[in-house]
Amino acid sequence: MGVPQPRILRRHRVGLRHFANESFHFACGHKRDQVSEALYRLVVKEAAAQRRSPDEVAEDLLARHLLPQHPHVEQVASRSGTRAVVRGTRVGVDVIVGYMRAGYTPEEIAADVLPHLTLAQVYDALSYFYDHSDEIEEMLDVHTIDVWQERLKERLGEAAYLRLAGEAADA
Protein backbone atom coordinates (compact mmCIF):
# COMPACT_ATOMS: atom_id res chain seq x y z
CA MET A 1 0.00 0.00 0.00
CA GLY A 2 1.19 3.52 -0.66
CA VAL A 3 2.28 6.08 1.86
CA PRO A 4 1.07 9.67 2.06
CA GLN A 5 2.38 11.68 -0.84
CA PRO A 6 4.21 15.01 -0.66
CA ARG A 7 1.97 18.06 -0.25
CA ILE A 8 2.68 19.32 -3.78
CA LEU A 9 1.12 16.19 -5.21
CA ARG A 10 -1.88 16.30 -2.88
CA ARG A 11 -2.43 19.93 -3.78
CA HIS A 12 -2.83 18.95 -7.44
CA ARG A 13 -4.88 15.88 -6.45
CA VAL A 14 -2.75 13.52 -8.47
CA GLY A 15 -0.16 10.96 -7.52
CA LEU A 16 3.41 11.14 -8.72
CA ARG A 17 2.99 8.11 -10.94
CA HIS A 18 -0.35 9.37 -12.23
CA PHE A 19 1.09 12.82 -12.90
CA ALA A 20 4.06 11.38 -14.79
CA ASN A 21 2.10 8.84 -16.81
CA GLU A 22 -1.64 9.27 -16.78
CA SER A 23 -2.15 6.54 -19.37
CA PHE A 24 -0.54 4.02 -17.00
CA HIS A 25 -3.47 4.45 -14.62
CA PHE A 26 -6.11 4.18 -17.30
CA ALA A 27 -4.50 1.11 -18.85
CA CYS A 28 -4.00 -0.64 -15.51
CA GLY A 29 -7.14 0.59 -13.77
CA HIS A 30 -5.25 2.26 -10.89
CA LYS A 31 -7.21 4.94 -9.09
CA ARG A 32 -5.04 5.69 -6.09
CA ASP A 33 -3.66 9.12 -5.28
CA GLN A 34 -0.50 7.90 -3.59
CA VAL A 35 2.98 7.15 -4.82
CA SER A 36 4.49 3.76 -4.06
CA GLU A 37 6.33 3.41 -0.78
CA ALA A 38 9.62 2.69 -2.57
CA LEU A 39 9.32 5.81 -4.74
CA TYR A 40 8.37 7.95 -1.77
CA ARG A 41 11.38 6.68 0.18
CA LEU A 42 13.65 7.63 -2.74
CA VAL A 43 12.21 11.15 -2.77
CA VAL A 44 12.63 11.45 1.01
CA LYS A 45 16.21 10.17 0.80
CA GLU A 46 17.05 12.64 -1.98
CA ALA A 47 15.39 15.46 -0.04
CA ALA A 48 17.48 14.66 3.04
CA ALA A 49 20.67 14.59 0.96
CA GLN A 50 19.82 18.02 -0.50
CA ARG A 51 18.52 19.37 2.85
CA ARG A 52 15.18 20.16 1.23
CA SER A 53 11.62 19.02 1.77
CA PRO A 54 10.21 16.06 -0.16
CA ASP A 55 7.72 18.51 -1.71
CA GLU A 56 10.51 20.64 -3.16
CA VAL A 57 12.37 17.63 -4.53
CA ALA A 58 9.21 16.14 -6.05
CA GLU A 59 8.28 19.45 -7.68
CA ASP A 60 11.79 19.88 -9.14
CA LEU A 61 11.85 16.33 -10.47
CA LEU A 62 8.45 16.70 -12.10
CA ALA A 63 9.32 20.06 -13.61
CA ARG A 64 12.65 18.79 -14.93
CA HIS A 65 11.17 15.72 -16.57
CA LEU A 66 7.78 16.99 -17.65
CA LEU A 67 8.61 20.59 -18.51
CA PRO A 68 11.91 20.49 -20.38
CA GLN A 69 13.94 23.65 -20.10
CA HIS A 70 14.45 23.78 -23.87
CA PRO A 71 11.39 22.20 -25.49
CA HIS A 72 12.51 23.05 -29.04
CA VAL A 73 16.03 21.57 -28.72
CA GLU A 74 17.02 17.93 -28.73
CA GLN A 75 20.28 16.00 -28.73
CA VAL A 76 20.87 13.78 -31.77
CA ALA A 77 23.69 11.41 -32.63
CA SER A 78 25.75 12.36 -35.66
CA ARG A 79 28.95 11.12 -37.26
CA SER A 80 30.93 13.70 -35.33
CA GLY A 81 29.20 13.01 -31.99
CA THR A 82 26.13 14.25 -30.17
CA ARG A 83 24.72 17.49 -31.51
CA ALA A 84 22.08 19.91 -30.23
CA VAL A 85 19.52 20.61 -32.97
CA VAL A 86 16.13 22.23 -33.28
CA ARG A 87 13.67 19.43 -32.52
CA GLY A 88 12.36 17.75 -35.65
CA THR A 89 14.92 19.40 -37.93
CA ARG A 90 18.56 18.98 -38.79
CA VAL A 91 19.34 22.60 -37.96
CA GLY A 92 22.01 22.73 -35.29
CA VAL A 93 22.07 25.24 -32.48
CA ASP A 94 25.57 26.07 -33.70
CA VAL A 95 24.13 27.03 -37.12
CA ILE A 96 21.70 29.50 -35.54
CA VAL A 97 24.49 30.95 -33.41
CA GLY A 98 26.60 31.29 -36.56
CA TYR A 99 23.87 33.31 -38.26
CA MET A 100 23.57 35.52 -35.18
CA ARG A 101 27.30 36.16 -35.26
CA ALA A 102 27.05 36.98 -38.96
CA GLY A 103 24.69 39.82 -38.01
CA TYR A 104 21.23 38.33 -38.48
CA THR A 105 18.57 38.96 -35.86
CA PRO A 106 16.40 36.11 -34.55
CA GLU A 107 13.49 37.59 -36.52
CA GLU A 108 15.53 37.57 -39.76
CA ILE A 109 16.69 34.02 -39.14
CA ALA A 110 13.11 32.79 -38.68
CA ALA A 111 11.61 34.85 -41.51
CA ASP A 112 14.32 34.86 -44.18
CA VAL A 113 17.26 32.55 -43.50
CA LEU A 114 15.53 29.47 -42.05
CA PRO A 115 11.84 30.13 -42.75
CA HIS A 116 10.84 26.60 -41.74
CA LEU A 117 11.72 27.52 -38.14
CA THR A 118 9.47 29.51 -35.85
CA LEU A 119 10.72 32.48 -33.88
CA ALA A 120 10.17 30.44 -30.70
CA GLN A 121 12.46 27.70 -32.04
CA VAL A 122 15.19 30.24 -32.86
CA TYR A 123 14.97 31.88 -29.45
CA ASP A 124 14.97 28.51 -27.68
CA ALA A 125 18.08 27.48 -29.62
CA LEU A 126 19.77 30.73 -28.55
CA SER A 127 18.68 30.15 -24.96
CA TYR A 128 20.17 26.65 -25.17
CA PHE A 129 23.40 28.16 -26.46
CA TYR A 130 23.65 30.54 -23.50
CA ASP A 131 23.01 27.64 -21.10
CA HIS A 132 25.56 25.38 -22.85
CA SER A 133 27.98 27.90 -24.35
CA ASP A 134 31.14 25.86 -23.71
CA GLU A 135 29.73 22.86 -25.58
CA ILE A 136 28.50 24.95 -28.54
CA GLU A 137 31.67 27.08 -28.69
CA GLU A 138 33.71 23.90 -28.95
CA MET A 139 31.53 22.76 -31.83
CA LEU A 140 31.88 26.14 -33.54
CA ASP A 141 35.67 25.94 -33.21
CA VAL A 142 35.68 22.50 -34.85
CA HIS A 143 33.36 23.53 -37.70
CA THR A 144 35.07 26.60 -39.11
CA ILE A 145 35.59 27.13 -42.85
CA ASP A 146 39.34 26.67 -42.42
CA VAL A 147 38.89 23.34 -40.63
CA TRP A 148 36.52 22.06 -43.34
CA GLN A 149 38.88 23.19 -46.11
CA GLU A 150 41.72 21.29 -44.48
CA ARG A 151 39.54 18.18 -44.16
CA LEU A 152 38.67 18.39 -47.87
CA LYS A 153 42.35 18.78 -48.81
CA GLU A 154 43.21 15.71 -46.72
CA ARG A 155 40.43 13.62 -48.28
CA LEU A 156 40.72 14.78 -51.89
CA GLY A 157 44.36 15.65 -52.13
CA GLU A 158 45.75 19.09 -52.92
CA ALA A 159 45.20 18.99 -56.71
CA ALA A 160 41.59 17.76 -56.52
CA TYR A 161 40.80 20.28 -53.80
CA LEU A 162 42.18 23.15 -55.88
CA ARG A 163 40.10 22.03 -58.90
CA LEU A 164 36.98 21.81 -56.72
CA ALA A 165 37.65 25.24 -55.23
CA GLY A 166 38.25 26.70 -58.70
CA GLU A 167 41.83 27.56 -57.88
CA ALA A 168 43.61 25.09 -60.18
CA ALA A 169 45.89 26.58 -62.79
CA ASP A 170 44.85 25.74 -66.36
CA ALA A 171 47.24 23.34 -68.00
C-alpha atoms as a PDB file:
ATOM      1  CA  MET A   1       0.000   0.000   0.000  1.00  0.00           C
ATOM      2  CA  GLY A   2       1.190   3.518  -0.665  1.00  0.00           C
ATOM      3  CA  VAL A   3       2.284   6.084   1.863  1.00  0.00           C
ATOM      4  CA  PRO A   4       1.074   9.675   2.059  1.00  0.00           C
ATOM      5  CA  GLN A   5       2.380  11.684  -0.836  1.00  0.00           C
ATOM      6  CA  PRO A   6       4.208  15.011  -0.658  1.00  0.00           C
ATOM      7  CA  ARG A   7       1.971  18.055  -0.250  1.00  0.00           C
ATOM      8  CA  ILE A   8       2.678  19.324  -3.784  1.00  0.00           C
ATOM      9  CA  LEU A   9       1.123  16.191  -5.211  1.00  0.00           C
ATOM     10  CA  ARG A  10      -1.883  16.296  -2.882  1.00  0.00           C
ATOM     11  CA  ARG A  11      -2.428  19.930  -3.782  1.00  0.00           C
ATOM     12  CA  HIS A  12      -2.827  18.950  -7.437  1.00  0.00           C
ATOM     13  CA  ARG A  13      -4.875  15.879  -6.447  1.00  0.00           C
ATOM     14  CA  VAL A  14      -2.750  13.524  -8.470  1.00  0.00           C
ATOM     15  CA  GLY A  15      -0.163  10.965  -7.518  1.00  0.00           C
ATOM     16  CA  LEU A  16       3.411  11.144  -8.725  1.00  0.00           C
ATOM     17  CA  ARG A  17       2.992   8.107 -10.942  1.00  0.00           C
ATOM     18  CA  HIS A  18      -0.353   9.374 -12.229  1.00  0.00           C
ATOM     19  CA  PHE A  19       1.090  12.819 -12.900  1.00  0.00           C
ATOM     20  CA  ALA A  20       4.060  11.384 -14.787  1.00  0.00           C
ATOM     21  CA  ASN A  21       2.104   8.840 -16.812  1.00  0.00           C
ATOM     22  CA  GLU A  22      -1.644   9.274 -16.781  1.00  0.00           C
ATOM     23  CA  SER A  23      -2.150   6.540 -19.368  1.00  0.00           C
ATOM     24  CA  PHE A  24      -0.539   4.021 -16.996  1.00  0.00           C
ATOM     25  CA  HIS A  25      -3.471   4.446 -14.624  1.00  0.00           C
ATOM     26  CA  PHE A  26      -6.107   4.182 -17.300  1.00  0.00           C
ATOM     27  CA  ALA A  27      -4.496   1.107 -18.848  1.00  0.00           C
ATOM     28  CA  CYS A  28      -4.001  -0.642 -15.510  1.00  0.00           C
ATOM     29  CA  GLY A  29      -7.143   0.589 -13.769  1.00  0.00           C
ATOM     30  CA  HIS A  30      -5.250   2.259 -10.894  1.00  0.00           C
ATOM     31  CA  LYS A  31      -7.209   4.941  -9.091  1.00  0.00           C
ATOM     32  CA  ARG A  32      -5.042   5.690  -6.091  1.00  0.00           C
ATOM     33  CA  ASP A  33      -3.664   9.118  -5.278  1.00  0.00           C
ATOM     34  CA  GLN A  34      -0.498   7.901  -3.588  1.00  0.00           C
ATOM     35  CA  VAL A  35       2.979   7.149  -4.817  1.00  0.00           C
ATOM     36  CA  SER A  36       4.494   3.763  -4.060  1.00  0.00           C
ATOM     37  CA  GLU A  37       6.331   3.411  -0.783  1.00  0.00           C
ATOM     38  CA  ALA A  38       9.616   2.685  -2.568  1.00  0.00           C
ATOM     39  CA  LEU A  39       9.324   5.807  -4.737  1.00  0.00           C
ATOM     40  CA  TYR A  40       8.374   7.954  -1.771  1.00  0.00           C
ATOM     41  CA  ARG A  41      11.382   6.683   0.181  1.00  0.00           C
ATOM     42  CA  LEU A  42      13.655   7.633  -2.737  1.00  0.00           C
ATOM     43  CA  VAL A  43      12.206  11.146  -2.775  1.00  0.00           C
ATOM     44  CA  VAL A  44      12.626  11.453   1.008  1.00  0.00           C
ATOM     45  CA  LYS A  45      16.213  10.174   0.804  1.00  0.00           C
ATOM     46  CA  GLU A  46      17.051  12.642  -1.977  1.00  0.00           C
ATOM     47  CA  ALA A  47      15.388  15.459  -0.037  1.00  0.00           C
ATOM     48  CA  ALA A  48      17.480  14.660   3.041  1.00  0.00           C
ATOM     49  CA  ALA A  49      20.670  14.592   0.963  1.00  0.00           C
ATOM     50  CA  GLN A  50      19.817  18.017  -0.495  1.00  0.00           C
ATOM     51  CA  ARG A  51      18.517  19.370   2.845  1.00  0.00           C
ATOM     52  CA  ARG A  52      15.185  20.156   1.231  1.00  0.00           C
ATOM     53  CA  SER A  53      11.623  19.023   1.769  1.00  0.00           C
ATOM     54  CA  PRO A  54      10.213  16.060  -0.164  1.00  0.00           C
ATOM     55  CA  ASP A  55       7.718  18.513  -1.712  1.00  0.00           C
ATOM     56  CA  GLU A  56      10.514  20.641  -3.160  1.00  0.00           C
ATOM     57  CA  VAL A  57      12.372  17.630  -4.534  1.00  0.00           C
ATOM     58  CA  ALA A  58       9.205  16.135  -6.049  1.00  0.00           C
ATOM     59  CA  GLU A  59       8.284  19.448  -7.676  1.00  0.00           C
ATOM     60  CA  ASP A  60      11.789  19.885  -9.138  1.00  0.00           C
ATOM     61  CA  LEU A  61      11.848  16.326 -10.471  1.00  0.00           C
ATOM     62  CA  LEU A  62       8.450  16.695 -12.095  1.00  0.00           C
ATOM     63  CA  ALA A  63       9.322  20.064 -13.608  1.00  0.00           C
ATOM     64  CA  ARG A  64      12.651  18.786 -14.933  1.00  0.00           C
ATOM     65  CA  HIS A  65      11.167  15.721 -16.574  1.00  0.00           C
ATOM     66  CA  LEU A  66       7.778  16.987 -17.653  1.00  0.00           C
ATOM     67  CA  LEU A  67       8.611  20.591 -18.513  1.00  0.00           C
ATOM     68  CA  PRO A  68      11.908  20.490 -20.382  1.00  0.00           C
ATOM     69  CA  GLN A  69      13.945  23.651 -20.102  1.00  0.00           C
ATOM     70  CA  HIS A  70      14.453  23.776 -23.871  1.00  0.00           C
ATOM     71  CA  PRO A  71      11.393  22.196 -25.488  1.00  0.00           C
ATOM     72  CA  HIS A  72      12.511  23.046 -29.039  1.00  0.00           C
ATOM     73  CA  VAL A  73      16.028  21.568 -28.721  1.00  0.00           C
ATOM     74  CA  GLU A  74      17.024  17.927 -28.726  1.00  0.00           C
ATOM     75  CA  GLN A  75      20.284  15.997 -28.733  1.00  0.00           C
ATOM     76  CA  VAL A  76      20.873  13.783 -31.768  1.00  0.00           C
ATOM     77  CA  ALA A  77      23.687  11.413 -32.631  1.00  0.00           C
ATOM     78  CA  SER A  78      25.750  12.359 -35.659  1.00  0.00           C
ATOM     79  CA  ARG A  79      28.950  11.118 -37.261  1.00  0.00           C
ATOM     80  CA  SER A  80      30.927  13.699 -35.327  1.00  0.00           C
ATOM     81  CA  GLY A  81      29.199  13.012 -31.988  1.00  0.00           C
ATOM     82  CA  THR A  82      26.133  14.245 -30.173  1.00  0.00           C
ATOM     83  CA  ARG A  83      24.723  17.488 -31.513  1.00  0.00           C
ATOM     84  CA  ALA A  84      22.084  19.907 -30.232  1.00  0.00           C
ATOM     85  CA  VAL A  85      19.522  20.610 -32.966  1.00  0.00           C
ATOM     86  CA  VAL A  86      16.134  22.234 -33.275  1.00  0.00           C
ATOM     87  CA  ARG A  87      13.671  19.426 -32.516  1.00  0.00           C
ATOM     88  CA  GLY A  88      12.358  17.746 -35.651  1.00  0.00           C
ATOM     89  CA  THR A  89      14.917  19.401 -37.931  1.00  0.00           C
ATOM     90  CA  ARG A  90      18.563  18.985 -38.790  1.00  0.00           C
ATOM     91  CA  VAL A  91      19.343  22.601 -37.957  1.00  0.00           C
ATOM     92  CA  GLY A  92      22.013  22.730 -35.293  1.00  0.00           C
ATOM     93  CA  VAL A  93      22.065  25.235 -32.484  1.00  0.00           C
ATOM     94  CA  ASP A  94      25.565  26.075 -33.700  1.00  0.00           C
ATOM     95  CA  VAL A  95      24.135  27.034 -37.116  1.00  0.00           C
ATOM     96  CA  ILE A  96      21.700  29.497 -35.544  1.00  0.00           C
ATOM     97  CA  VAL A  97      24.492  30.953 -33.409  1.00  0.00           C
ATOM     98  CA  GLY A  98      26.595  31.289 -36.561  1.00  0.00           C
ATOM     99  CA  TYR A  99      23.873  33.314 -38.257  1.00  0.00           C
ATOM    100  CA  MET A 100      23.568  35.523 -35.183  1.00  0.00           C
ATOM    101  CA  ARG A 101      27.302  36.156 -35.264  1.00  0.00           C
ATOM    102  CA  ALA A 102      27.050  36.977 -38.958  1.00  0.00           C
ATOM    103  CA  GLY A 103      24.692  39.815 -38.006  1.00  0.00           C
ATOM    104  CA  TYR A 104      21.231  38.329 -38.482  1.00  0.00           C
ATOM    105  CA  THR A 105      18.566  38.964 -35.863  1.00  0.00           C
ATOM    106  CA  PRO A 106      16.402  36.113 -34.554  1.00  0.00           C
ATOM    107  CA  GLU A 107      13.495  37.590 -36.523  1.00  0.00           C
ATOM    108  CA  GLU A 108      15.528  37.568 -39.759  1.00  0.00           C
ATOM    109  CA  ILE A 109      16.694  34.017 -39.142  1.00  0.00           C
ATOM    110  CA  ALA A 110      13.111  32.788 -38.681  1.00  0.00           C
ATOM    111  CA  ALA A 111      11.609  34.850 -41.507  1.00  0.00           C
ATOM    112  CA  ASP A 112      14.325  34.860 -44.178  1.00  0.00           C
ATOM    113  CA  VAL A 113      17.257  32.550 -43.499  1.00  0.00           C
ATOM    114  CA  LEU A 114      15.530  29.471 -42.052  1.00  0.00           C
ATOM    115  CA  PRO A 115      11.841  30.127 -42.750  1.00  0.00           C
ATOM    116  CA  HIS A 116      10.840  26.595 -41.743  1.00  0.00           C
ATOM    117  CA  LEU A 117      11.715  27.525 -38.143  1.00  0.00           C
ATOM    118  CA  THR A 118       9.468  29.512 -35.852  1.00  0.00           C
ATOM    119  CA  LEU A 119      10.719  32.477 -33.880  1.00  0.00           C
ATOM    120  CA  ALA A 120      10.171  30.443 -30.696  1.00  0.00           C
ATOM    121  CA  GLN A 121      12.465  27.703 -32.036  1.00  0.00           C
ATOM    122  CA  VAL A 122      15.186  30.238 -32.863  1.00  0.00           C
ATOM    123  CA  TYR A 123      14.965  31.884 -29.449  1.00  0.00           C
ATOM    124  CA  ASP A 124      14.967  28.513 -27.684  1.00  0.00           C
ATOM    125  CA  ALA A 125      18.082  27.483 -29.619  1.00  0.00           C
ATOM    126  CA  LEU A 126      19.772  30.727 -28.553  1.00  0.00           C
ATOM    127  CA  SER A 127      18.685  30.147 -24.956  1.00  0.00           C
ATOM    128  CA  TYR A 128      20.167  26.651 -25.168  1.00  0.00           C
ATOM    129  CA  PHE A 129      23.404  28.165 -26.463  1.00  0.00           C
ATOM    130  CA  TYR A 130      23.645  30.536 -23.504  1.00  0.00           C
ATOM    131  CA  ASP A 131      23.006  27.639 -21.103  1.00  0.00           C
ATOM    132  CA  HIS A 132      25.559  25.380 -22.853  1.00  0.00           C
ATOM    133  CA  SER A 133      27.976  27.897 -24.353  1.00  0.00           C
ATOM    134  CA  ASP A 134      31.141  25.857 -23.705  1.00  0.00           C
ATOM    135  CA  GLU A 135      29.734  22.863 -25.584  1.00  0.00           C
ATOM    136  CA  ILE A 136      28.505  24.949 -28.541  1.00  0.00           C
ATOM    137  CA  GLU A 137      31.666  27.084 -28.691  1.00  0.00           C
ATOM    138  CA  GLU A 138      33.714  23.899 -28.949  1.00  0.00           C
ATOM    139  CA  MET A 139      31.525  22.757 -31.829  1.00  0.00           C
ATOM    140  CA  LEU A 140      31.877  26.135 -33.538  1.00  0.00           C
ATOM    141  CA  ASP A 141      35.671  25.944 -33.209  1.00  0.00           C
ATOM    142  CA  VAL A 142      35.682  22.504 -34.851  1.00  0.00           C
ATOM    143  CA  HIS A 143      33.365  23.526 -37.696  1.00  0.00           C
ATOM    144  CA  THR A 144      35.070  26.603 -39.114  1.00  0.00           C
ATOM    145  CA  ILE A 145      35.592  27.131 -42.851  1.00  0.00           C
ATOM    146  CA  ASP A 146      39.342  26.673 -42.417  1.00  0.00           C
ATOM    147  CA  VAL A 147      38.892  23.341 -40.630  1.00  0.00           C
ATOM    148  CA  TRP A 148      36.516  22.062 -43.344  1.00  0.00           C
ATOM    149  CA  GLN A 149      38.878  23.194 -46.115  1.00  0.00           C
ATOM    150  CA  GLU A 150      41.725  21.289 -44.481  1.00  0.00           C
ATOM    151  CA  ARG A 151      39.543  18.182 -44.164  1.00  0.00           C
ATOM    152  CA  LEU A 152      38.667  18.393 -47.871  1.00  0.00           C
ATOM    153  CA  LYS A 153      42.351  18.782 -48.811  1.00  0.00           C
ATOM    154  CA  GLU A 154      43.207  15.708 -46.716  1.00  0.00           C
ATOM    155  CA  ARG A 155      40.432  13.622 -48.277  1.00  0.00           C
ATOM    156  CA  LEU A 156      40.718  14.778 -51.886  1.00  0.00           C
ATOM    157  CA  GLY A 157      44.360  15.647 -52.130  1.00  0.00           C
ATOM    158  CA  GLU A 158      45.748  19.093 -52.918  1.00  0.00           C
ATOM    159  CA  ALA A 159      45.203  18.988 -56.712  1.00  0.00           C
ATOM    160  CA  ALA A 160      41.587  17.756 -56.522  1.00  0.00           C
ATOM    161  CA  TYR A 161      40.800  20.281 -53.796  1.00  0.00           C
ATOM    162  CA  LEU A 162      42.180  23.146 -55.884  1.00  0.00           C
ATOM    163  CA  ARG A 163      40.097  22.025 -58.904  1.00  0.00           C
ATOM    164  CA  LEU A 164      36.983  21.813 -56.715  1.00  0.00           C
ATOM    165  CA  ALA A 165      37.655  25.243 -55.227  1.00  0.00           C
ATOM    166  CA  GLY A 166      38.250  26.702 -58.704  1.00  0.00           C
ATOM    167  CA  GLU A 167      41.829  27.562 -57.876  1.00  0.00           C
ATOM    168  CA  ALA A 168      43.611  25.085 -60.177  1.00  0.00           C
ATOM    169  CA  ALA A 169      45.886  26.581 -62.790  1.00  0.00           C
ATOM    170  CA  ASP A 170      44.853  25.739 -66.362  1.00  0.00           C
ATOM    171  CA  ALA A 171      47.244  23.344 -68.005  1.00  0.00           C
END
